[in-house]
N, C-alpha and C. Protein backbone atom coordinates (compact mmCIF):
# COMPACT_ATOMS: atom_id res chain seq x y z
N MET A 1 0.96 -1.07 0.28
CA MET A 1 -0.09 0.24 -0.06
C MET A 1 1.00 0.91 -0.28
N ILE A 2 1.54 1.50 0.86
CA ILE A 2 2.67 2.55 0.92
C ILE A 2 4.19 2.23 0.95
N THR A 3 4.83 2.98 0.08
CA THR A 3 6.31 2.53 -0.60
C THR A 3 7.19 3.49 -0.21
N ILE A 4 8.41 3.43 -0.44
CA ILE A 4 9.30 4.86 0.45
C ILE A 4 9.70 4.91 -1.27
N ASP A 5 10.18 5.89 -2.05
CA ASP A 5 11.18 6.20 -2.73
C ASP A 5 12.50 6.94 -2.39
N TYR A 6 13.47 5.73 -2.34
CA TYR A 6 14.94 6.20 -1.86
C TYR A 6 15.40 7.43 -2.47
N GLN A 7 15.47 7.48 -3.63
CA GLN A 7 15.96 8.17 -4.87
C GLN A 7 15.18 9.84 -4.74
N SER A 8 14.13 9.70 -4.23
CA SER A 8 13.08 11.02 -4.16
C SER A 8 13.88 12.06 -3.37
N GLY A 9 13.66 13.05 -3.43
CA GLY A 9 14.66 13.82 -2.57
C GLY A 9 13.59 14.65 -1.83
N LEU A 10 11.98 13.91 -1.75
CA LEU A 10 11.13 14.50 -0.41
C LEU A 10 11.25 13.65 0.70
N PRO A 11 11.57 14.31 2.15
CA PRO A 11 11.91 13.70 3.08
C PRO A 11 10.45 12.14 2.97
N PHE A 12 10.92 11.45 4.37
CA PHE A 12 9.95 9.57 4.14
C PHE A 12 8.78 10.74 4.65
N TYR A 13 8.76 11.41 5.51
CA TYR A 13 7.23 11.49 6.44
C TYR A 13 6.31 12.35 5.17
N GLU A 14 7.11 12.90 3.97
CA GLU A 14 5.88 13.99 3.59
C GLU A 14 5.39 12.37 1.80
N GLN A 15 6.61 11.62 2.05
CA GLN A 15 6.37 10.64 1.17
C GLN A 15 5.18 9.95 1.34
N ILE A 16 5.21 9.22 2.89
CA ILE A 16 4.23 8.98 3.53
C ILE A 16 2.80 9.21 3.04
N ALA A 17 2.91 10.54 3.91
CA ALA A 17 1.53 11.46 4.31
C ALA A 17 0.83 11.70 2.70
N GLU A 18 1.69 11.88 1.64
CA GLU A 18 1.20 12.01 0.23
C GLU A 18 0.62 10.95 -0.54
N ARG A 19 1.02 9.66 -0.44
CA ARG A 19 0.38 8.46 -0.33
C ARG A 19 -0.92 8.22 -0.07
N PHE A 20 -1.29 8.68 1.38
CA PHE A 20 -2.28 8.42 2.02
C PHE A 20 -3.26 9.35 2.07
N GLN A 21 -2.70 10.83 1.41
CA GLN A 21 -3.98 11.64 1.33
C GLN A 21 -4.15 11.30 -0.72
N THR A 22 -3.86 10.40 -1.20
CA THR A 22 -4.13 10.00 -2.54
C THR A 22 -5.32 8.37 -2.12
N LEU A 23 -4.64 7.78 -1.32
CA LEU A 23 -5.24 6.82 -1.22
C LEU A 23 -7.01 7.27 -0.33
N ILE A 24 -6.87 8.19 0.29
CA ILE A 24 -8.32 8.64 1.25
C ILE A 24 -8.65 9.72 0.23
N LEU A 25 -8.31 10.59 -1.01
CA LEU A 25 -9.36 11.53 -1.88
C LEU A 25 -9.55 10.09 -3.04
N ARG A 26 -8.70 9.24 -3.17
CA ARG A 26 -9.43 7.98 -4.22
C ARG A 26 -10.96 7.21 -3.73
N GLY A 27 -10.78 7.23 -2.37
CA GLY A 27 -11.63 6.56 -1.74
C GLY A 27 -11.25 5.00 -1.51
N VAL A 28 -9.85 4.58 -1.69
CA VAL A 28 -9.44 3.09 -1.38
C VAL A 28 -9.60 3.04 0.16
N LEU A 29 -9.15 4.13 0.62
CA LEU A 29 -9.58 4.26 2.15
C LEU A 29 -10.75 5.15 2.30
N SER A 30 -11.90 4.52 3.04
CA SER A 30 -13.01 4.78 3.57
C SER A 30 -13.15 5.48 5.00
N SER A 31 -13.52 6.75 4.92
CA SER A 31 -14.43 7.58 6.22
C SER A 31 -14.58 6.22 7.20
N ASP A 32 -14.20 6.82 8.31
CA ASP A 32 -13.93 6.25 9.69
C ASP A 32 -13.24 4.78 9.34
N THR A 33 -12.34 4.22 8.08
CA THR A 33 -11.44 3.06 8.32
C THR A 33 -10.19 3.49 8.94
N GLN A 34 -9.74 2.17 9.91
CA GLN A 34 -8.83 2.88 10.98
C GLN A 34 -7.71 2.80 10.02
N MET A 35 -6.44 3.86 10.53
CA MET A 35 -5.47 3.51 9.63
C MET A 35 -4.25 2.43 10.25
N PRO A 36 -3.58 1.98 9.61
CA PRO A 36 -2.25 1.13 10.43
C PRO A 36 -1.66 2.50 11.57
N SER A 37 -1.08 0.75 12.46
CA SER A 37 -0.59 1.92 13.36
C SER A 37 0.36 2.18 13.05
N VAL A 38 0.90 3.15 13.80
CA VAL A 38 2.35 3.78 14.08
C VAL A 38 3.45 2.69 13.83
N ARG A 39 3.72 1.48 14.87
CA ARG A 39 4.52 0.94 14.76
C ARG A 39 4.06 -0.05 14.11
N SER A 40 3.15 -0.92 13.36
CA SER A 40 3.35 -1.89 12.35
C SER A 40 3.89 -1.08 11.01
N LEU A 41 3.36 0.15 11.09
CA LEU A 41 3.83 0.45 9.57
C LEU A 41 5.41 0.89 9.38
N ALA A 42 5.51 0.95 10.67
CA ALA A 42 6.98 1.77 11.15
C ALA A 42 8.29 0.12 10.74
N MET A 43 7.76 -0.81 11.49
CA MET A 43 8.03 -2.58 10.81
C MET A 43 7.72 -2.34 9.59
N GLU A 44 6.69 -2.31 9.18
CA GLU A 44 6.75 -2.86 7.49
C GLU A 44 7.47 -1.55 6.58
N LEU A 45 7.73 -0.84 6.64
CA LEU A 45 8.76 0.10 5.87
C LEU A 45 10.24 0.31 5.98
N SER A 46 10.58 -0.48 7.84
CA SER A 46 12.07 -0.47 8.09
C SER A 46 12.34 0.98 8.25
N ILE A 47 11.12 2.19 8.77
CA ILE A 47 11.89 3.06 9.15
C ILE A 47 11.09 3.63 10.64
N ASN A 48 11.78 4.62 11.33
CA ASN A 48 11.39 5.36 12.49
C ASN A 48 10.22 5.44 12.71
N PRO A 49 9.53 4.50 14.02
CA PRO A 49 8.46 4.57 14.40
C PRO A 49 7.85 6.78 14.45
N ASN A 50 8.85 8.25 14.76
CA ASN A 50 9.07 9.38 14.68
C ASN A 50 8.25 9.26 13.25
N THR A 51 8.73 8.45 12.43
CA THR A 51 8.67 9.53 11.01
C THR A 51 7.60 9.18 10.42
N ILE A 52 7.02 7.59 10.60
CA ILE A 52 5.16 7.99 10.48
C ILE A 52 4.31 8.67 11.70
N GLN A 53 4.45 8.50 13.03
CA GLN A 53 4.18 9.84 13.70
C GLN A 53 4.03 10.85 13.04
N LYS A 54 5.36 11.54 12.41
CA LYS A 54 5.32 12.72 11.72
C LYS A 54 4.26 13.12 10.72
N ALA A 55 3.94 11.64 9.69
CA ALA A 55 3.58 11.85 8.98
C ALA A 55 1.96 12.29 9.27
N TYR A 56 1.89 11.07 10.27
CA TYR A 56 0.38 11.23 10.50
C TYR A 56 -0.37 12.66 11.30
N SER A 57 0.72 13.18 12.18
CA SER A 57 0.42 14.39 12.18
C SER A 57 0.44 15.60 11.38
N LEU A 58 0.78 15.18 10.09
CA LEU A 58 0.57 16.27 9.06
C LEU A 58 -0.77 16.23 8.44
N LEU A 59 -1.27 14.29 8.32
CA LEU A 59 -2.56 14.05 7.91
C LEU A 59 -3.58 14.88 8.83
N GLU A 60 -3.51 14.93 10.22
CA GLU A 60 -4.33 14.97 11.00
C GLU A 60 -4.52 16.47 10.97
N GLN A 61 -3.54 17.81 10.82
CA GLN A 61 -3.29 18.74 10.80
C GLN A 61 -4.16 19.64 9.17
N GLN A 62 -3.59 18.80 8.07
CA GLN A 62 -4.94 19.07 6.84
C GLN A 62 -6.19 18.32 6.90
N GLY A 63 -6.64 17.46 8.00
CA GLY A 63 -7.58 17.03 7.85
C GLY A 63 -8.25 15.52 7.56
N TYR A 64 -6.78 14.89 7.01
CA TYR A 64 -7.23 13.14 6.34
C TYR A 64 -7.48 12.56 6.98
N ILE A 65 -7.06 12.55 8.57
CA ILE A 65 -7.42 12.03 9.56
C ILE A 65 -7.89 12.34 10.91
N TYR A 66 -8.22 11.66 11.69
CA TYR A 66 -8.33 11.73 12.97
C TYR A 66 -8.02 10.95 14.68
N PRO A 67 -7.75 11.62 15.41
CA PRO A 67 -6.70 10.16 16.44
C PRO A 67 -8.22 10.16 17.29
N VAL A 68 -8.17 8.90 17.75
CA VAL A 68 -9.42 8.96 19.01
C VAL A 68 -8.29 7.67 20.32
N ARG A 69 -8.53 8.15 21.25
CA ARG A 69 -7.49 8.42 22.20
C ARG A 69 -7.47 6.54 22.65
N GLY A 70 -6.09 5.65 22.49
CA GLY A 70 -6.19 4.82 22.99
C GLY A 70 -6.65 4.00 21.75
N ARG A 71 -7.19 3.96 20.91
CA ARG A 71 -7.65 3.53 19.29
C ARG A 71 -7.02 3.11 18.35
N GLY A 72 -6.22 4.78 18.25
CA GLY A 72 -5.13 4.63 17.13
C GLY A 72 -6.08 5.77 16.38
N ASN A 73 -5.48 5.72 14.82
CA ASN A 73 -5.57 7.10 14.28
C ASN A 73 -6.87 6.41 13.19
N PHE A 74 -7.96 7.22 12.51
CA PHE A 74 -9.39 6.72 11.53
C PHE A 74 -8.80 7.96 10.39
N VAL A 75 -9.88 7.63 9.31
CA VAL A 75 -9.73 8.46 7.99
C VAL A 75 -10.69 9.39 8.35
N ALA A 76 -10.70 10.42 8.37
CA ALA A 76 -11.72 11.76 8.67
C ALA A 76 -12.70 11.67 7.51
N ASP A 77 -13.99 12.02 7.70
CA ASP A 77 -14.83 11.88 6.00
C ASP A 77 -14.11 13.22 5.25
N CYS A 78 -13.40 13.53 3.81
CA CYS A 78 -13.06 14.16 3.29
C CYS A 78 -13.62 14.61 2.09
N THR A 79 -14.86 14.67 1.99
CA THR A 79 -15.88 14.61 1.02
C THR A 79 -15.39 16.42 1.04
N GLU A 80 -15.41 17.23 1.87
CA GLU A 80 -15.96 18.39 1.31
C GLU A 80 -14.07 18.96 1.23
N LEU A 81 -13.08 18.38 1.81
CA LEU A 81 -11.50 18.49 1.34
C LEU A 81 -11.35 18.31 -0.02
N ALA A 82 -11.79 17.25 -0.55
CA ALA A 82 -11.56 16.51 -1.69
C ALA A 82 -12.49 17.49 -3.00
N LYS A 83 -13.79 17.85 -2.43
CA LYS A 83 -14.44 18.77 -3.29
C LYS A 83 -13.18 20.38 -3.02
N ARG A 84 -12.98 20.75 -2.25
CA ARG A 84 -12.42 21.86 -2.11
C ARG A 84 -10.96 21.94 -2.78
N LYS A 85 -10.01 20.82 -3.13
CA LYS A 85 -8.83 20.36 -3.47
C LYS A 85 -9.10 20.37 -5.47
N LYS A 86 -10.12 19.65 -5.11
CA LYS A 86 -10.64 19.76 -7.09
C LYS A 86 -10.96 21.10 -7.50
N GLU A 87 -11.87 21.73 -6.77
CA GLU A 87 -12.23 23.16 -7.01
C GLU A 87 -11.05 24.39 -7.67
N ALA A 88 -9.96 23.58 -6.72
CA ALA A 88 -8.53 24.56 -6.70
C ALA A 88 -7.85 23.93 -7.80
N LEU A 89 -7.78 22.60 -7.84
CA LEU A 89 -7.20 22.20 -9.21
C LEU A 89 -7.71 22.76 -10.43
N LEU A 90 -8.99 22.92 -10.55
CA LEU A 90 -9.52 23.23 -11.85
C LEU A 90 -9.21 24.69 -12.05
N GLU A 91 -9.77 25.28 -11.03
CA GLU A 91 -9.08 26.98 -10.88
C GLU A 91 -7.83 27.32 -11.57
N GLU A 92 -6.59 26.16 -11.34
CA GLU A 92 -5.26 26.60 -11.61
C GLU A 92 -5.02 25.77 -13.06
N ILE A 93 -5.99 24.95 -13.50
CA ILE A 93 -5.76 24.33 -15.13
C ILE A 93 -6.37 25.66 -15.66
N ARG A 94 -7.62 26.54 -15.33
CA ARG A 94 -8.22 27.70 -15.96
C ARG A 94 -6.86 28.84 -16.33
N ARG A 95 -6.37 28.93 -15.10
CA ARG A 95 -5.03 30.04 -14.97
C ARG A 95 -4.02 29.70 -16.27
N LEU A 96 -3.88 28.33 -16.30
CA LEU A 96 -2.64 27.57 -17.22
C LEU A 96 -3.40 27.86 -18.82
N LEU A 97 -5.06 27.38 -19.04
CA LEU A 97 -5.07 27.89 -20.20
C LEU A 97 -4.77 29.30 -20.77
N GLU A 98 -5.25 29.52 -19.78
CA GLU A 98 -5.11 31.57 -19.96
C GLU A 98 -4.06 31.89 -20.38
N SER A 99 -3.08 31.40 -19.90
CA SER A 99 -1.51 31.46 -19.75
C SER A 99 -1.39 31.11 -21.54
N GLY A 100 -1.21 29.67 -21.75
CA GLY A 100 -1.18 29.18 -22.90
C GLY A 100 -1.57 29.53 -23.82
N ARG A 101 -2.53 30.30 -23.76
CA ARG A 101 -3.61 31.21 -25.05
C ARG A 101 -3.11 31.96 -25.12
N ASP A 102 -2.08 32.85 -24.42
CA ASP A 102 -1.62 34.13 -24.17
C ASP A 102 -0.57 33.88 -25.12
N LEU A 103 0.50 32.83 -25.03
CA LEU A 103 1.26 31.98 -25.70
C LEU A 103 0.83 31.45 -26.94
N GLY A 104 -0.47 31.69 -27.45
CA GLY A 104 -1.12 30.94 -28.73
C GLY A 104 -0.79 29.08 -28.88
N LEU A 105 -0.89 29.14 -27.44
CA LEU A 105 -1.30 27.46 -27.43
C LEU A 105 -3.18 27.45 -28.12
N THR A 106 -3.44 26.50 -29.11
CA THR A 106 -4.24 26.40 -29.00
C THR A 106 -5.34 24.97 -28.35
N ARG A 107 -6.76 24.62 -28.55
CA ARG A 107 -7.59 24.14 -28.06
C ARG A 107 -6.70 22.78 -28.25
N THR A 108 -6.28 22.74 -29.37
CA THR A 108 -5.93 21.27 -30.22
C THR A 108 -4.66 21.16 -29.35
N ASP A 109 -3.86 22.17 -29.08
CA ASP A 109 -2.68 21.70 -28.78
C ASP A 109 -2.66 20.84 -26.86
N PHE A 110 -3.85 21.76 -26.00
CA PHE A 110 -4.13 21.02 -24.64
C PHE A 110 -4.79 19.55 -24.73
N ILE A 111 -5.48 19.57 -26.18
CA ILE A 111 -6.18 18.67 -25.69
C ILE A 111 -5.24 17.88 -26.47
N THR A 112 -4.49 17.37 -27.16
CA THR A 112 -3.53 16.29 -27.46
C THR A 112 -2.42 16.14 -25.74
N VAL A 113 -2.26 17.11 -25.57
CA VAL A 113 -1.40 16.79 -24.50
C VAL A 113 -2.32 16.21 -22.84
N VAL A 114 -3.31 16.78 -23.11
CA VAL A 114 -4.80 15.76 -22.12
C VAL A 114 -4.90 14.27 -22.20
N ASP A 115 -5.06 13.78 -23.97
CA ASP A 115 -5.37 13.31 -24.31
C ASP A 115 -3.90 11.70 -24.11
N ARG A 116 -2.50 13.00 -23.98
CA ARG A 116 -1.63 12.02 -23.87
C ARG A 116 -1.10 11.26 -22.55
N LEU A 117 -1.34 12.52 -21.85
CA LEU A 117 -1.43 12.28 -20.39
C LEU A 117 -2.27 10.98 -19.58
N TYR A 118 -3.95 10.93 -20.37
CA TYR A 118 -4.70 9.96 -19.56
C TYR A 118 -4.32 9.00 -20.12
N GLY A 119 -3.27 8.93 -21.41
CA GLY A 119 -3.40 7.07 -22.32
C GLY A 119 -2.43 6.75 -21.53
N GLU A 120 -1.30 7.27 -21.12
CA GLU A 120 -0.12 7.50 -20.30
C GLU A 120 -0.34 6.34 -18.91
N GLU A 121 -1.59 7.26 -17.85
CA GLU A 121 -1.51 7.08 -17.02
C GLU A 121 -2.51 6.44 -16.21
N ASP A 122 -3.75 6.64 -17.45
CA ASP A 122 -5.07 6.68 -16.49
C ASP A 122 -5.67 6.15 -17.33
N THR A 123 -6.29 4.62 -17.12
CA THR A 123 -6.97 3.95 -18.24
C THR A 123 -8.52 3.97 -17.95
N THR A 124 -8.79 4.82 -16.81
CA THR A 124 -10.33 4.48 -16.24
C THR A 124 -10.64 5.90 -16.45
N ASP A 125 -12.06 6.42 -16.95
CA ASP A 125 -12.48 7.33 -16.67
C ASP A 125 -13.50 7.66 -15.55
N ASP A 126 -13.10 8.27 -14.32
CA ASP A 126 -13.65 8.39 -12.93
C ASP A 126 -14.51 9.14 -12.77
């Protein structure tokens, strides 16, 4: 489920947090699902438990998970968070399209790039 890229310049805790964010936003980890314990995930990944705790703290600050005293961490209801992230992404895309248009890129140019990216990375229409 979670892997560490040792070649990446990103700290391990950020890689772990980003992977969990993706799993949560895609619905792989649904609301109220218990997260792996800090200790078990640290053993699985062969890294320091403090690194996992730092990733979980980041996820909690961002609203992806919530702690339950004595029971562990659980996935939060991220419906609103996902909606805001999608809206922000679409706004960023709109700005990029405007910048591209200002540089003379055509609609066909953009569609070609989108088709190529989706063809390379995603075979499903969610």
